Amino acid sequence: MTVSNSSLEQPLLICSSDAAKLLSISEKNLWTLTKQGIIPAVRIGVRSIRYSVVVLQDLIAKNALATA
């Protein structure tokens, strides 16, 4: 498998504070949405929770309101 330089510029996973900023919501709201299963998270080890940038971008695109 080859990895291009452009894919290394953007991290695959981000922490909760960065995910909340990306979505323009509070971290508390992010945790609530994660617990409800609305926003998927990746658990790494026992305590580390990360969010996929690609999944968050897809979530934004799928939930975007259509403008007429």
N, C-alpha and C. Protein backbone atom coordinates (compact mmCIF):
# COMPACT_ATOMS: atom_id res chain seq x y z
N MET A 1 0.85 -1.18 0.00
CA MET A 1 0.00 0.00 0.00
C MET A 1 0.88 1.24 0.00
N THR A 2 0.58 2.19 -0.85
CA THR A 2 1.36 3.42 -0.91
C THR A 2 0.57 4.56 -0.30
N VAL A 3 1.26 5.44 0.35
CA VAL A 3 0.64 6.60 0.98
C VAL A 3 1.22 7.84 0.31
N SER A 4 0.36 8.67 -0.21
CA SER A 4 0.83 9.89 -0.87
C SER A 4 1.12 10.97 0.17
N ASN A 5 1.92 11.94 -0.21
CA ASN A 5 2.25 13.04 0.69
C ASN A 5 1.03 13.86 1.06
N SER A 6 0.08 14.00 0.14
CA SER A 6 -1.10 14.81 0.41
C SER A 6 -1.97 14.19 1.50
N SER A 7 -1.99 12.85 1.59
CA SER A 7 -2.79 12.22 2.64
C SER A 7 -2.15 12.34 4.00
N LEU A 8 -0.85 12.60 4.05
CA LEU A 8 -0.16 12.76 5.32
C LEU A 8 -0.35 14.15 5.91
N GLU A 9 -0.76 15.11 5.10
CA GLU A 9 -0.94 16.48 5.57
C GLU A 9 -2.13 16.61 6.51
N GLN A 10 -3.15 15.82 6.32
CA GLN A 10 -4.35 15.86 7.15
C GLN A 10 -4.38 14.60 8.01
N PRO A 11 -4.54 14.76 9.32
CA PRO A 11 -4.58 13.56 10.18
C PRO A 11 -5.84 12.74 9.91
N LEU A 12 -5.73 11.44 10.11
CA LEU A 12 -6.89 10.56 9.95
C LEU A 12 -7.86 10.73 11.11
N LEU A 13 -7.32 10.89 12.31
CA LEU A 13 -8.13 11.01 13.52
C LEU A 13 -7.77 12.28 14.26
N ILE A 14 -8.79 12.89 14.89
CA ILE A 14 -8.55 14.10 15.69
C ILE A 14 -9.17 13.91 17.08
N CYS A 15 -8.69 14.69 18.03
CA CYS A 15 -9.19 14.62 19.40
C CYS A 15 -10.56 15.29 19.51
N SER A 16 -11.19 15.12 20.64
CA SER A 16 -12.55 15.63 20.83
C SER A 16 -12.62 17.15 20.74
N SER A 17 -11.62 17.85 21.25
CA SER A 17 -11.68 19.31 21.18
C SER A 17 -11.59 19.80 19.73
N ASP A 18 -10.75 19.16 18.93
CA ASP A 18 -10.66 19.53 17.52
C ASP A 18 -11.92 19.14 16.75
N ALA A 19 -12.50 18.00 17.09
CA ALA A 19 -13.75 17.57 16.43
C ALA A 19 -14.88 18.53 16.75
N ALA A 20 -14.96 18.96 17.99
CA ALA A 20 -16.00 19.92 18.39
C ALA A 20 -15.83 21.23 17.64
N LYS A 21 -14.59 21.68 17.51
CA LYS A 21 -14.32 22.93 16.76
C LYS A 21 -14.71 22.77 15.30
N LEU A 22 -14.37 21.62 14.71
CA LEU A 22 -14.71 21.36 13.31
C LEU A 22 -16.21 21.41 13.08
N LEU A 23 -16.98 20.91 14.06
CA LEU A 23 -18.44 20.87 13.94
C LEU A 23 -19.12 22.12 14.50
N SER A 24 -18.33 23.01 15.09
CA SER A 24 -18.86 24.24 15.71
C SER A 24 -19.87 23.94 16.81
N ILE A 25 -19.53 22.96 17.64
CA ILE A 25 -20.36 22.61 18.80
C ILE A 25 -19.46 22.50 20.02
N SER A 26 -20.06 22.46 21.19
CA SER A 26 -19.28 22.31 22.42
C SER A 26 -18.82 20.85 22.56
N GLU A 27 -17.77 20.66 23.36
CA GLU A 27 -17.31 19.30 23.62
C GLU A 27 -18.37 18.50 24.35
N LYS A 28 -19.13 19.14 25.23
CA LYS A 28 -20.20 18.45 25.95
C LYS A 28 -21.25 17.93 24.97
N ASN A 29 -21.62 18.76 24.00
CA ASN A 29 -22.59 18.35 22.98
C ASN A 29 -22.01 17.22 22.13
N LEU A 30 -20.71 17.30 21.82
CA LEU A 30 -20.06 16.24 21.06
C LEU A 30 -20.13 14.91 21.80
N TRP A 31 -19.84 14.93 23.12
CA TRP A 31 -19.91 13.71 23.92
C TRP A 31 -21.33 13.15 23.94
N THR A 32 -22.32 14.03 24.07
CA THR A 32 -23.72 13.60 24.08
C THR A 32 -24.09 12.92 22.76
N LEU A 33 -23.73 13.55 21.66
CA LEU A 33 -24.02 13.00 20.33
C LEU A 33 -23.28 11.69 20.09
N THR A 34 -22.08 11.57 20.65
CA THR A 34 -21.31 10.33 20.53
C THR A 34 -21.97 9.22 21.32
N LYS A 35 -22.39 9.51 22.55
CA LYS A 35 -23.06 8.52 23.38
C LYS A 35 -24.38 8.07 22.77
N GLN A 36 -25.06 8.98 22.04
CA GLN A 36 -26.32 8.65 21.38
C GLN A 36 -26.10 7.87 20.08
N GLY A 37 -24.85 7.76 19.65
CA GLY A 37 -24.53 7.04 18.42
C GLY A 37 -24.69 7.87 17.15
N ILE A 38 -24.92 9.16 17.30
CA ILE A 38 -25.10 10.03 16.15
C ILE A 38 -23.76 10.36 15.49
N ILE A 39 -22.76 10.55 16.32
CA ILE A 39 -21.41 10.82 15.83
C ILE A 39 -20.52 9.65 16.25
N PRO A 40 -20.01 8.88 15.28
CA PRO A 40 -19.17 7.73 15.63
C PRO A 40 -17.78 8.17 16.09
N ALA A 41 -17.22 7.39 17.00
CA ALA A 41 -15.89 7.66 17.53
C ALA A 41 -15.05 6.40 17.46
N VAL A 42 -13.76 6.58 17.53
CA VAL A 42 -12.81 5.47 17.53
C VAL A 42 -12.14 5.43 18.89
N ARG A 43 -12.22 4.29 19.57
CA ARG A 43 -11.55 4.14 20.86
C ARG A 43 -10.19 3.52 20.62
N ILE A 44 -9.17 4.17 21.15
CA ILE A 44 -7.80 3.68 21.06
C ILE A 44 -7.34 3.42 22.49
N GLY A 45 -7.16 2.17 22.82
CA GLY A 45 -6.79 1.82 24.19
C GLY A 45 -7.99 1.95 25.11
N VAL A 46 -7.72 2.21 26.38
CA VAL A 46 -8.77 2.25 27.39
C VAL A 46 -9.45 3.62 27.45
N ARG A 47 -8.69 4.69 27.34
CA ARG A 47 -9.25 6.01 27.59
C ARG A 47 -9.27 6.96 26.40
N SER A 48 -8.55 6.65 25.36
CA SER A 48 -8.40 7.58 24.26
C SER A 48 -9.53 7.43 23.24
N ILE A 49 -10.23 8.53 23.00
CA ILE A 49 -11.31 8.58 22.00
C ILE A 49 -10.89 9.57 20.91
N ARG A 50 -11.01 9.16 19.67
CA ARG A 50 -10.69 10.02 18.55
C ARG A 50 -11.82 9.98 17.54
N TYR A 51 -11.84 10.98 16.67
CA TYR A 51 -12.88 11.10 15.65
C TYR A 51 -12.24 11.14 14.28
N SER A 52 -12.83 10.42 13.33
CA SER A 52 -12.33 10.38 11.97
C SER A 52 -12.72 11.67 11.24
N VAL A 53 -11.73 12.33 10.66
CA VAL A 53 -11.98 13.55 9.90
C VAL A 53 -12.90 13.25 8.72
N VAL A 54 -12.66 12.15 8.03
CA VAL A 54 -13.46 11.78 6.86
C VAL A 54 -14.91 11.53 7.27
N VAL A 55 -15.13 10.81 8.37
CA VAL A 55 -16.49 10.53 8.85
C VAL A 55 -17.19 11.83 9.24
N LEU A 56 -16.48 12.73 9.90
CA LEU A 56 -17.10 14.01 10.29
C LEU A 56 -17.46 14.83 9.06
N GLN A 57 -16.59 14.85 8.06
CA GLN A 57 -16.88 15.58 6.83
C GLN A 57 -18.08 14.97 6.11
N ASP A 58 -18.18 13.66 6.08
CA ASP A 58 -19.33 12.99 5.48
C ASP A 58 -20.61 13.30 6.24
N LEU A 59 -20.51 13.33 7.56
CA LEU A 59 -21.66 13.65 8.41
C LEU A 59 -22.17 15.07 8.11
N ILE A 60 -21.24 15.98 7.96
CA ILE A 60 -21.60 17.37 7.63
C ILE A 60 -22.30 17.40 6.27
N ALA A 61 -21.73 16.73 5.28
CA ALA A 61 -22.30 16.75 3.93
C ALA A 61 -23.68 16.11 3.90
N LYS A 62 -23.87 15.01 4.63
CA LYS A 62 -25.14 14.31 4.62
C LYS A 62 -26.24 15.10 5.35
N ASN A 63 -25.84 15.89 6.32
CA ASN A 63 -26.81 16.63 7.11
C ASN A 63 -26.96 18.09 6.68
N ALA A 64 -26.30 18.45 5.60
CA ALA A 64 -26.40 19.83 5.10
C ALA A 64 -27.81 20.07 4.59
N LEU A 65 -28.35 21.20 4.93
CA LEU A 65 -29.69 21.56 4.47
C LEU A 65 -29.62 22.03 3.03
N ALA A 66 -30.52 21.55 2.23
CA ALA A 66 -30.57 21.97 0.83
C ALA A 66 -31.16 23.37 0.77
N THR A 67 -30.53 24.22 -0.01
CA THR A 67 -31.04 25.59 -0.18
C THR A 67 -31.66 25.69 -1.56
N ALA A 68 -32.76 26.38 -1.60
CA ALA A 68 -33.48 26.50 -2.88
C ALA A 68 -33.09 27.75 -3.61
